[in-house]
Protein backbone atom coordinates (compact mmCIF):
# COMPACT_ATOMS: atom_id res chain seq x y z
CA MET A 1 0.00 0.10 0.02
CA SER A 2 1.49 3.31 -1.23
CA LEU A 3 1.37 5.92 1.57
CA ASN A 4 1.59 9.70 1.06
CA LEU A 5 4.22 10.46 3.82
CA VAL A 6 5.39 13.77 4.75
CA PRO A 7 9.25 13.87 4.82
CA LEU A 8 10.69 13.03 8.09
CA HIS A 9 13.00 16.13 8.04
CA GLN A 10 9.70 18.38 7.64
CA ASN A 11 7.93 17.15 10.88
CA PRO A 12 9.80 17.08 14.32
CA GLU A 13 7.13 14.84 15.67
CA THR A 14 8.38 11.94 13.78
CA LYS A 15 12.30 13.02 13.10
CA ASN A 16 13.40 10.25 15.53
CA MET A 17 11.35 7.37 13.92
CA SER A 18 12.34 4.80 11.72
CA PRO A 19 10.51 4.64 8.16
CA ASP A 20 8.66 1.47 9.47
CA GLU A 21 7.66 3.31 12.71
CA GLU A 22 6.34 6.44 10.92
CA LYS A 23 4.30 4.36 8.66
CA ARG A 24 2.66 2.65 11.48
CA PHE A 25 2.27 5.94 13.48
CA ILE A 26 0.57 7.62 10.50
CA SER A 27 -1.71 4.82 9.68
CA LEU A 28 -2.80 4.31 13.24
CA GLN A 29 -3.46 8.08 13.60
CA GLY A 30 -5.44 8.28 10.29
CA SER A 31 -3.78 8.58 7.06
CA ARG A 32 -5.58 8.83 3.91
CA GLU A 33 -5.77 5.22 3.17
CA ASP A 34 -7.42 3.83 6.38
CA PRO A 35 -7.71 0.25 6.14
CA ASP A 36 -10.51 0.31 8.57
CA ALA A 37 -12.92 2.40 6.20
CA GLU A 38 -13.31 -0.99 4.06
CA ASN A 39 -15.34 -2.30 6.63
CA GLU A 40 -17.46 0.95 6.82
CA SER A 41 -20.71 0.98 4.49
CA LEU A 42 -21.14 4.20 2.30
CA SER A 43 -24.24 5.08 4.35
CA GLN A 44 -22.69 4.68 7.54
CA ARG A 45 -19.78 6.83 6.42
CA ARG A 46 -22.21 9.48 5.03
CA LEU A 47 -23.86 9.62 8.29
CA ARG A 48 -20.80 10.05 10.11
CA TYR A 49 -19.43 12.73 8.01
CA ALA A 50 -22.84 14.64 8.18
CA LEU A 51 -22.48 14.35 11.99
CA MET A 52 -19.00 15.59 12.03
CA THR A 53 -20.18 18.60 9.48
CA GLY A 54 -22.94 19.42 12.00
CA ILE A 55 -20.60 19.62 14.90
CA ILE A 56 -18.16 21.72 12.92
CA LEU A 57 -20.80 24.07 11.76
CA GLY A 58 -22.49 24.39 15.19
CA THR A 59 -19.04 25.16 16.99
CA THR A 60 -18.01 27.65 14.30
CA LEU A 61 -21.05 29.87 15.11
CA GLY A 62 -18.94 31.28 17.70
CA PRO A 63 -16.09 32.52 15.22
CA GLN A 64 -19.06 33.82 13.26
CA ASN A 65 -19.70 36.31 15.96
CA ASP A 66 -16.00 37.00 16.25
CA GLY A 67 -16.06 38.10 12.59
CA ILE A 68 -19.04 40.31 13.13
CA CYS A 69 -17.29 41.74 16.23
CA SER A 70 -13.95 42.55 14.49
CA THR A 71 -15.71 44.04 11.20
CA TRP A 72 -18.47 46.02 13.39
CA PRO A 73 -16.05 49.13 13.22
CA ASN A 74 -16.61 49.24 9.54
CA VAL A 75 -20.64 49.83 10.18
CA PHE A 76 -19.88 52.40 13.04
CA ALA A 77 -17.39 54.40 10.64
CA SER A 78 -19.74 54.36 7.87
CA ASP A 79 -23.02 55.32 10.11
CA ILE A 80 -21.10 58.23 12.01
CA GLU A 81 -20.05 59.93 8.93
CA THR A 82 -23.96 61.11 8.08
CA ASP A 83 -25.62 60.47 11.57
CA ARG A 84 -23.66 60.46 14.94
CA SER A 85 -27.12 59.80 16.76
CA THR A 86 -27.16 57.00 19.41
CA PHE A 87 -30.25 54.98 20.51
CA PHE A 88 -30.98 57.42 22.99
CA ASN A 89 -30.79 60.29 20.36
CA THR A 90 -27.70 61.73 22.02
CA THR A 91 -24.82 62.78 19.83
CA LEU A 92 -21.42 61.13 19.49
CA GLU A 93 -18.05 62.88 19.12
CA VAL A 94 -15.42 60.67 17.89
CA SER A 95 -11.97 61.49 16.98
CA ASP A 96 -9.60 59.87 14.66
CA TRP A 97 -7.55 58.10 17.36
CA GLN A 98 -10.89 56.63 18.63
CA LEU A 99 -11.66 55.29 15.35
CA ASP A 100 -8.70 53.48 15.48
CA PHE A 101 -9.17 52.19 19.09
CA MET A 102 -12.51 51.10 18.29
CA SER A 103 -10.90 48.07 16.38
CA SER A 104 -7.91 47.72 18.93
CA SER A 105 -9.87 47.84 22.02
CA TYR A 106 -11.54 44.62 20.89
CA PHE A 107 -8.04 42.77 20.72
CA ILE A 108 -6.85 44.43 24.04
CA GLY A 109 -10.20 42.73 25.71
CA THR A 110 -8.87 39.43 24.31
CA LEU A 111 -5.72 39.60 26.18
CA PRO A 112 -6.59 38.90 30.03
CA MET A 113 -9.22 36.32 29.06
CA ILE A 114 -6.40 34.42 26.58
CA VAL A 115 -4.46 34.21 29.79
CA ALA A 116 -7.09 32.86 31.93
CA SER A 117 -8.20 30.34 29.16
CA GLY A 118 -4.77 28.88 29.70
CA MET A 119 -6.01 27.64 33.07
CA LEU A 120 -9.91 27.61 32.16
CA VAL A 121 -9.82 25.33 28.97
CA PRO A 122 -7.71 22.54 30.33
CA TRP A 123 -9.68 22.73 33.56
CA LEU A 124 -13.39 23.14 32.61
CA GLY A 125 -13.01 21.77 29.03
CA ARG A 126 -13.64 23.25 25.68
CA LYS A 127 -17.38 22.67 25.68
CA TRP A 128 -17.89 24.58 29.04
CA CYS A 129 -15.77 27.42 28.01
CA MET A 130 -17.68 27.93 25.06
CA ILE A 131 -20.92 28.39 26.91
CA LEU A 132 -19.11 30.36 29.75
CA CYS A 133 -17.76 32.95 26.99
CA THR A 134 -21.57 33.95 26.40
CA ILE A 135 -21.73 36.03 29.49
CA PRO A 136 -19.28 38.76 28.63
CA GLY A 137 -20.05 38.61 25.19
CA VAL A 138 -23.76 39.11 25.51
CA ILE A 139 -23.08 42.07 28.05
CA GLY A 140 -20.58 43.72 25.74
CA TRP A 141 -22.86 43.67 22.80
CA SER A 142 -25.66 45.09 24.94
CA LEU A 143 -23.30 47.94 26.10
CA ILE A 144 -22.61 48.94 22.68
CA ALA A 145 -26.30 48.96 21.60
CA LEU A 146 -27.35 51.09 24.62
CA SER A 147 -24.23 53.39 24.64
CA TYR A 148 -24.93 57.04 24.77
CA ASN A 149 -21.39 58.08 24.57
CA VAL A 150 -18.00 56.54 22.89
CA THR A 151 -16.52 55.27 26.27
CA MET A 152 -19.37 53.01 26.65
CA ILE A 153 -18.82 51.79 23.15
CA LEU A 154 -15.16 50.88 23.77
CA VAL A 155 -15.74 49.01 27.22
CA GLY A 156 -18.32 46.81 25.20
CA ARG A 157 -16.06 46.14 22.81
CA PHE A 158 -13.27 45.45 25.40
CA LEU A 159 -15.80 42.75 27.13
CA CYS A 160 -16.56 41.21 23.43
CA GLY A 161 -12.75 40.85 23.03
CA ALA A 162 -12.62 39.10 26.41
CA ALA A 163 -15.65 36.66 25.30
CA HIS A 164 -13.58 35.83 22.23
CA GLY A 165 -10.37 35.54 23.78
CA LEU A 166 -11.80 32.53 25.78
CA GLN A 167 -13.75 31.25 22.87
CA GLY A 168 -11.23 31.31 20.42
CA ILE A 169 -8.85 29.23 22.39
CA ALA A 170 -11.66 26.55 23.30
CA VAL A 171 -12.84 26.54 19.85
CA ARG A 172 -9.56 25.96 17.97
CA SER A 173 -8.58 23.21 20.30
CA TYR A 174 -11.80 21.61 20.05
CA LEU A 175 -11.73 21.64 16.14
CA ALA A 176 -8.27 20.35 16.28
CA GLU A 177 -9.25 17.42 18.38
CA VAL A 178 -12.48 16.14 17.20
CA SER A 179 -11.71 16.35 13.47
CA ASP A 180 -10.38 13.35 11.39
CA ASP A 181 -6.79 13.88 10.57
CA ARG A 182 -7.74 13.51 6.78
CA PHE A 183 -9.73 16.86 6.68
CA ARG A 184 -8.52 18.58 9.97
CA GLY A 185 -7.14 21.40 7.70
CA ALA A 186 -10.33 22.11 6.31
CA ALA A 187 -12.26 21.84 9.88
CA GLY A 188 -9.83 24.35 11.25
CA MET A 189 -10.36 26.59 8.17
CA THR A 190 -14.17 26.62 8.57
CA THR A 191 -13.77 29.03 11.40
CA GLU A 192 -12.30 31.62 8.86
CA VAL A 193 -15.35 30.89 6.44
CA MET A 194 -17.68 31.40 9.17
CA LYS A 195 -16.03 34.75 10.16
CA GLY A 196 -16.29 35.86 6.52
CA LEU A 197 -20.05 34.96 6.59
CA GLY A 198 -20.02 37.23 9.73
CA PHE A 199 -18.46 39.97 8.19
CA ILE A 200 -20.85 40.10 5.21
CA PHE A 201 -23.79 39.64 7.63
CA ILE A 202 -22.66 42.82 9.64
CA ILE A 203 -21.92 44.97 6.68
CA ALA A 204 -25.09 44.04 5.17
CA LEU A 205 -27.11 44.77 8.53
CA GLY A 206 -25.23 48.10 8.61
CA ILE A 207 -26.58 49.04 5.01
CA SER A 208 -30.23 48.67 6.19
CA MET A 209 -30.08 49.70 9.75
CA PRO A 210 -28.15 51.89 12.43
CA TRP A 211 -24.90 50.81 14.27
CA TYR A 212 -26.70 50.45 17.57
CA TYR A 213 -29.46 47.94 16.08
CA THR A 214 -26.67 45.67 14.36
CA ALA A 215 -25.30 45.46 18.06
CA VAL A 216 -28.71 44.03 19.29
CA PHE A 217 -28.83 41.66 16.47
CA SER A 218 -25.29 40.59 17.45
CA ALA A 219 -26.10 40.09 21.03
CA CYS A 220 -28.89 37.68 19.80
CA HIS A 221 -26.44 35.55 17.51
CA PHE A 222 -24.07 35.40 20.69
CA LEU A 223 -26.76 34.13 22.78
CA LEU A 224 -27.89 31.56 20.17
CA PHE A 225 -24.33 30.02 19.88
CA GLY A 226 -23.62 29.71 23.85
CA PHE A 227 -27.11 28.69 25.42
CA VAL A 228 -28.66 26.61 22.20
CA VAL A 229 -25.87 25.27 20.15
CA ALA A 230 -22.71 24.96 22.28
CA PRO A 231 -24.49 22.63 25.06
CA CYS A 232 -25.53 20.01 22.24
CA ILE A 233 -22.07 19.19 20.90
CA PRO A 234 -20.11 16.11 22.35
CA ARG A 235 -17.12 16.74 24.54
CA SER A 236 -13.53 16.70 23.16
CA PRO A 237 -12.32 13.00 23.28
CA SER A 238 -8.75 14.01 23.59
CA TYR A 239 -9.72 16.15 26.37
CA LEU A 240 -11.21 13.11 28.32
CA ILE A 241 -8.59 10.72 27.45
CA VAL A 242 -5.75 12.90 29.17
CA LYS A 243 -8.27 13.34 31.97
CA GLY A 244 -8.24 9.83 32.46
CA ARG A 245 -11.99 9.53 31.21
CA GLU A 246 -11.25 6.69 28.63
CA GLU A 247 -14.68 5.22 28.36
CA GLU A 248 -16.41 8.39 27.79
CA ALA A 249 -13.82 9.30 25.05
CA ILE A 250 -14.38 5.79 23.19
CA GLU A 251 -18.27 6.23 23.22
CA ILE A 252 -17.60 9.48 21.32
CA LEU A 253 -14.82 8.29 18.98
CA ARG A 254 -17.33 5.33 17.93
CA LYS A 255 -19.61 8.11 16.61
CA LEU A 256 -16.88 10.32 15.19
CA ARG A 257 -14.58 7.80 13.65
CA GLY A 258 -17.05 5.00 13.07
CA PRO A 259 -17.51 1.51 14.69
CA TYR A 260 -14.76 -0.51 12.98
CA VAL A 261 -11.61 1.82 13.97
CA ASP A 262 -9.52 0.27 16.88
CA HIS A 263 -10.47 3.03 19.44
CA ARG A 264 -8.31 1.56 22.43
CA ASP A 265 -5.36 1.89 19.96
CA MET A 266 -6.22 5.33 19.24
CA VAL A 267 -6.58 5.95 23.03
CA ARG A 268 -3.03 4.49 23.54
CA GLN A 269 -1.43 6.23 20.76
CA LEU A 270 -2.69 9.62 22.02
CA LYS A 271 -1.64 8.84 25.68
CA LYS A 272 1.88 7.91 24.17
CA LYS A 273 2.10 11.18 22.20
CA ASN A 274 1.49 13.00 25.54
CA GLU A 275 3.71 11.01 27.68
CA SER A 276 6.48 13.53 27.48
CA THR A 277 4.46 16.37 28.88
CA ASP A 278 2.85 14.13 31.63
CA GLY A 279 3.23 15.51 34.92
CA SER A 280 5.76 18.20 34.20
CA ALA A 281 5.68 21.88 34.70
CA PHE A 282 4.16 23.85 31.75
CA TRP A 283 6.97 26.41 31.70
CA ARG A 284 9.55 23.48 31.61
CA ILE A 285 7.90 22.00 28.78
CA PHE A 286 7.39 25.02 26.86
CA PHE A 287 10.98 25.97 26.79
CA ARG A 288 12.03 22.72 25.58
CA PRO A 289 13.85 23.55 22.26
CA VAL A 290 11.52 21.62 20.09
CA ILE A 291 8.35 23.41 21.60
CA LEU A 292 10.00 26.92 22.02
CA LYS A 293 11.06 26.50 18.10
CA LYS A 294 7.47 25.73 17.05
CA TYR A 295 6.15 28.68 19.04
CA LEU A 296 8.85 31.15 17.54
CA ILE A 297 7.80 30.03 13.86
CA VAL A 298 3.66 30.60 14.91
CA ALA A 299 5.02 34.12 16.33
CA GLY A 300 6.75 34.97 13.24
CA LEU A 301 3.72 34.23 11.18
CA PHE A 302 1.64 36.24 13.15
CA PHE A 303 3.87 39.20 12.88
CA ILE A 304 4.01 38.84 9.27
CA ALA A 305 0.14 38.49 8.87
CA ASN A 306 -0.82 41.64 11.00
CA PHE A 307 2.00 43.87 9.58
CA SER A 308 0.92 42.79 5.96
CA GLY A 309 -2.31 44.29 6.81
CA VAL A 310 -4.73 41.42 7.45
CA GLU A 311 -6.43 42.50 10.49
CA VAL A 312 -6.10 46.19 8.97
CA ILE A 313 -8.39 45.19 5.99
CA ARG A 314 -10.97 43.57 8.11
CA GLY A 315 -11.27 46.51 10.80
CA ASN A 316 -10.76 49.30 8.12
CA ALA A 317 -11.80 48.45 4.75
CA THR A 318 -14.10 51.25 4.66
CA ARG A 319 -11.50 53.69 5.34
CA MET A 320 -8.74 52.01 3.29
CA LEU A 321 -11.22 52.23 0.21
CA GLN A 322 -11.75 56.06 0.50
CA THR A 323 -7.91 56.59 1.03
CA SER A 324 -7.28 54.81 -2.13
CA GLY A 325 -9.36 56.88 -4.46
CA LEU A 326 -12.54 54.98 -4.83
CA ALA A 327 -15.30 56.26 -7.07
CA PHE A 328 -17.92 53.82 -6.14
CA ASP A 329 -20.27 53.47 -3.25
CA LYS A 330 -18.08 52.56 -0.22
CA ASP A 331 -20.65 50.40 1.65
CA ILE A 332 -21.31 48.06 -1.57
CA THR A 333 -17.64 48.03 -2.35
CA THR A 334 -16.97 47.28 1.24
CA MET A 335 -19.45 44.27 1.27
CA ILE A 336 -17.65 43.09 -2.06
CA VAL A 337 -14.22 42.94 -0.31
CA PHE A 338 -15.70 40.75 2.38
CA CYS A 339 -17.32 38.39 -0.06
CA VAL A 340 -13.97 38.17 -1.59
CA LEU A 341 -12.56 37.21 1.88
CA LEU A 342 -15.39 34.80 2.09
CA GLY A 343 -14.25 33.35 -1.48
CA GLY A 344 -10.97 33.10 -0.44
CA GLY A 345 -11.83 31.21 2.64
CA ILE A 346 -13.80 28.49 1.03
CA SER A 347 -11.20 28.14 -1.76
CA GLN A 348 -8.71 27.57 1.06
CA ILE A 349 -10.97 24.71 2.48
CA LEU A 350 -11.16 23.06 -0.78
CA VAL A 351 -7.19 22.82 -1.26
CA LEU A 352 -5.69 23.34 2.15
CA ASP A 353 -5.61 19.10 2.83
CA TRP A 354 -4.53 18.82 -0.68
CA ILE A 355 -1.52 20.76 -1.19
CA GLY A 356 -0.61 21.55 2.25
CA ARG A 357 -0.26 24.59 4.54
CA LYS A 358 3.04 25.79 3.34
CA LYS A 359 2.14 26.18 -0.42
CA CYS A 360 -1.05 27.99 0.64
CA LEU A 361 0.97 30.37 2.58
CA VAL A 362 3.53 30.95 -0.22
CA ALA A 363 0.57 31.58 -2.70
CA SER A 364 -0.91 33.89 -0.13
CA LEU A 365 2.28 36.07 0.36
CA VAL A 366 2.86 36.17 -3.49
CA LEU A 367 -0.60 37.79 -4.23
CA LEU A 368 0.01 40.17 -1.31
CA VAL A 369 3.37 41.43 -2.57
CA VAL A 370 2.23 41.86 -6.13
CA SER A 371 -1.08 43.56 -5.12
CA TYR A 372 0.53 45.92 -2.47
CA THR A 373 3.24 46.78 -5.08
CA LEU A 374 0.77 48.15 -7.51
CA LEU A 375 -1.80 49.61 -5.37
CA GLY A 376 1.09 51.55 -3.89
CA THR A 377 2.26 52.90 -7.00
CA TYR A 378 -1.42 53.78 -8.15
CA VAL A 379 -1.93 55.91 -5.08
CA PHE A 380 1.44 57.30 -5.52
CA LEU A 381 0.61 58.35 -9.09
CA ASN A 382 -2.89 59.84 -8.13
CA THR A 383 -2.49 62.08 -5.38
CA GLU A 384 -1.95 65.76 -4.40
CA ASP A 385 -1.32 67.64 -1.18
CA VAL A 386 -4.10 69.03 0.85
CA GLU A 387 -4.96 68.76 4.49
CA MET A 388 -8.07 67.22 5.66
CA ASN A 389 -9.62 65.14 8.72
CA VAL A 390 -11.02 61.69 8.33
CA PHE A 391 -14.58 62.86 8.26
CA GLU A 392 -13.83 65.34 5.52
CA LEU A 393 -12.14 62.48 3.94
CA MET A 394 -14.89 60.23 3.67
CA GLN A 395 -17.07 62.83 2.46
CA ASN A 396 -14.99 64.07 -0.52
CA SER A 397 -12.81 60.77 -1.29
CA THR A 398 -9.63 62.10 -0.30
CA VAL A 399 -6.74 60.71 1.46
CA TYR A 400 -6.42 60.86 5.21
CA ASP A 401 -2.80 61.53 5.42
CA GLY A 402 -2.88 64.86 3.91
CA SER A 403 -2.89 63.80 0.06
CA SER A 404 -5.97 64.02 -2.01
CA PHE A 405 -7.07 61.81 -4.95
CA LYS A 406 -7.37 63.13 -8.48
CA THR A 407 -11.16 61.39 -8.42
CA ASN A 408 -13.15 60.79 -11.20
CA ASN A 409 -10.54 59.14 -13.67
CA GLU A 410 -10.99 56.38 -15.82
CA TRP A 411 -8.63 54.24 -13.43
CA SER A 412 -10.76 54.65 -10.36
CA TRP A 413 -11.74 51.00 -10.31
CA VAL A 414 -8.10 49.96 -9.91
CA PRO A 415 -7.83 50.25 -6.02
CA SER A 416 -11.01 48.41 -5.42
CA LEU A 417 -9.83 45.48 -7.71
CA LEU A 418 -6.45 45.57 -5.94
CA LEU A 419 -7.70 45.69 -2.47
CA MET A 420 -10.10 42.73 -3.57
CA THR A 421 -7.04 40.77 -4.17
CA VAL A 422 -5.40 41.48 -1.01
CA ALA A 423 -8.29 40.50 0.57
CA PHE A 424 -8.37 37.32 -1.31
CA GLY A 425 -4.86 36.77 -0.93
CA SER A 426 -4.69 37.09 2.92
CA SER A 427 -7.72 34.90 3.21
CA ILE A 428 -6.03 31.83 1.23
CA GLY A 429 -3.26 31.59 3.61
CA ILE A 430 -1.21 34.19 5.95
CA GLY A 431 -4.62 35.40 7.51
CA SER A 432 -5.59 32.18 8.89
CA ILE A 433 -2.92 29.47 8.66
CA PRO A 434 -0.97 30.93 11.46
CA TRP A 435 -3.98 30.00 13.88
CA LEU A 436 -4.32 26.70 12.39
CA LEU A 437 -0.41 25.71 13.27
CA SER A 438 -0.78 27.21 16.44
CA THR A 439 -3.36 24.21 17.20
CA GLU A 440 -1.26 21.47 15.41
CA TYR A 441 2.20 22.14 16.20
CA PHE A 442 1.34 21.09 20.09
CA PRO A 443 0.23 18.17 21.92
CA THR A 444 -3.16 17.97 23.61
CA THR A 445 -1.89 18.12 27.22
CA ILE A 446 -0.20 21.64 26.53
CA ARG A 447 -2.18 22.80 23.56
CA PRO A 448 -4.68 25.27 25.33
CA GLN A 449 -1.73 26.91 27.22
CA VAL A 450 0.42 27.45 24.16
CA LEU A 451 -2.77 28.30 22.08
CA ALA A 452 -3.19 31.20 24.53
CA ILE A 453 0.56 32.31 24.50
CA CYS A 454 0.26 32.17 20.67
CA SER A 455 -3.16 33.95 20.61
CA ILE A 456 -1.78 36.79 22.87
CA THR A 457 1.24 37.20 20.57
CA GLY A 458 -1.27 37.28 17.62
CA ASN A 459 -3.49 39.64 19.18
CA VAL A 460 -0.89 41.75 20.34
CA THR A 461 0.39 42.24 16.87
CA SER A 462 -2.90 43.04 15.86
CA ILE A 463 -3.38 45.74 18.52
CA ALA A 464 -0.09 47.08 17.23
CA ALA A 465 -0.96 47.06 13.53
CA LEU A 466 -4.28 48.81 13.89
CA GLN A 467 -3.21 51.25 16.28
CA LEU A 468 -0.66 52.23 14.25
CA TYR A 469 -2.51 52.43 10.86
CA SER A 470 -3.39 55.97 10.94
CA PRO A 471 0.28 57.13 12.23
CA LEU A 472 1.95 55.19 9.62
CA GLN A 473 -0.43 56.60 7.00
CA ALA A 474 0.55 59.78 8.17
CA LEU A 475 4.31 59.12 8.29
CA LEU A 476 4.77 57.01 5.15
CA THR A 477 1.61 58.39 3.15
CA THR A 478 -0.99 56.10 1.82
CA ALA A 479 1.22 54.92 -1.18
CA GLY A 480 4.38 54.13 1.45
CA LEU A 481 2.07 52.27 3.79
CA TYR A 482 1.25 49.75 1.12
CA TRP A 483 4.67 49.49 0.07
CA PHE A 484 5.60 48.75 3.64
CA TYR A 485 2.89 45.93 3.70
CA GLY A 486 4.24 44.58 0.42
CA THR A 487 7.89 44.44 2.02
CA VAL A 488 6.74 42.72 5.13
CA SER A 489 4.96 40.25 2.76
CA ALA A 490 8.02 39.62 0.91
CA LEU A 491 10.28 38.73 3.97
CA GLY A 492 7.25 36.34 4.83
CA LEU A 493 7.87 34.48 1.74
CA LEU A 494 11.58 34.10 2.81
CA PHE A 495 10.53 33.12 6.37
CA THR A 496 7.85 30.63 5.25
CA SER A 497 10.32 29.07 2.92
CA VAL A 498 13.10 28.62 5.65
CA PHE A 499 11.32 27.82 8.59
CA VAL A 500 7.73 26.66 8.25
CA TYR A 501 7.27 22.48 8.16
CA GLU A 502 4.21 20.99 6.87
CA THR A 503 1.76 19.26 8.88
CA LYS A 504 -0.77 18.07 6.35
CA GLY A 505 -1.93 14.41 7.08
CA ILE A 506 0.15 14.07 10.38
CA SER A 507 -1.49 13.22 13.55
CA ILE A 508 -1.18 15.86 15.95
CA GLY A 509 -1.51 13.95 19.42
């Protein structure tokens, strides 16, 4: 039987195994040619896959609200351009730095709960943490909906960030542990597709209703996930195994992997994968060279992702379109950009477990380098000096950094097209794969803790990138900012080629 094995040097988990041991390791953990599948009827397999699909879709309703929350500043920024009233008919006064902080306050809110999740997720389990995070999420959205000043909105954004900080660790750990190795990548990337649907959902709502009503809908969405869907999903079998509840885990594995798999052997293999971490202090494990190296790879990818504009696009797409000389309706074009993000996420699901994580990263970064270079060049050739603040900018299609576009020219469609290409490029690789690798590089016993550290790293770089958006734009000009993002993307290509190793089809333990 021919096995499509990953070369030994690409996977530290198998580097000390002989070829025969590696073949057995992969076959027992779920290779692409599972011999037990021959005993499973087509109808049984379809039923099992339907169950798994339902679990994945239900679980990723949480990340969908994450997408709604991270994109909501676009709705707010668009609304206050023409009407700054609140639910109570008070008037909001919003400065430029507060618009920047509208996005970054969400990521600041994630930090304390991500730290707490390193203890809560291993203790309470993935499922109960998904339920628990609903409380700060609903309170946060309610504060936003009922706010009568900017401070209340920022506090609400902070609480929503706290909710998604805990939820993100729980959901990503859960999906990595319940999914079959043959489509684990696709399952992990479903979070990005659901985020993409959240982007479009909130932008569409924002076109038809004021920003405070969109917050009400978002609170209801969070309630649906936390108190209706999350209680119905099964617990993580990997979590139950490391907690010594093997019989419960085997019962769940029968449903998820089918009745013909050797479930007890799967339990033994997973326990063996976690033997090296059993009973040791977490920090002692974390600073082992093999673990620390993996973390540094993920941290490097997060830096590249955020300083190539991934989160900036999601949080500031409307402003970026305005500062690039857009001649079309900004709300419709913003929605199209997020549709492109969704399309990229769907494309990634289809190819990720076929071509692998590393090739997706390379393709993603190549698109970013080309698109940012052309976008910066277009902006550079179509600007002239003026002084203007951000609200005048939005009303007059001019550049926030003191440059004004020569609008109404025949090439005004170019920035929209290039920004869509950037959105597509980020969504097929660099925007999501760092999160996937942060779950795949580490074993079950330390996965939540290391994922928490990786998430803090990712969110701190997101905060920095979002908060520096306006200052960098003023310092470098809009064209220079795009060239800066393109340069970071080019460095990311080199980093990926040298350091990132493939995890396609390999058991994560």
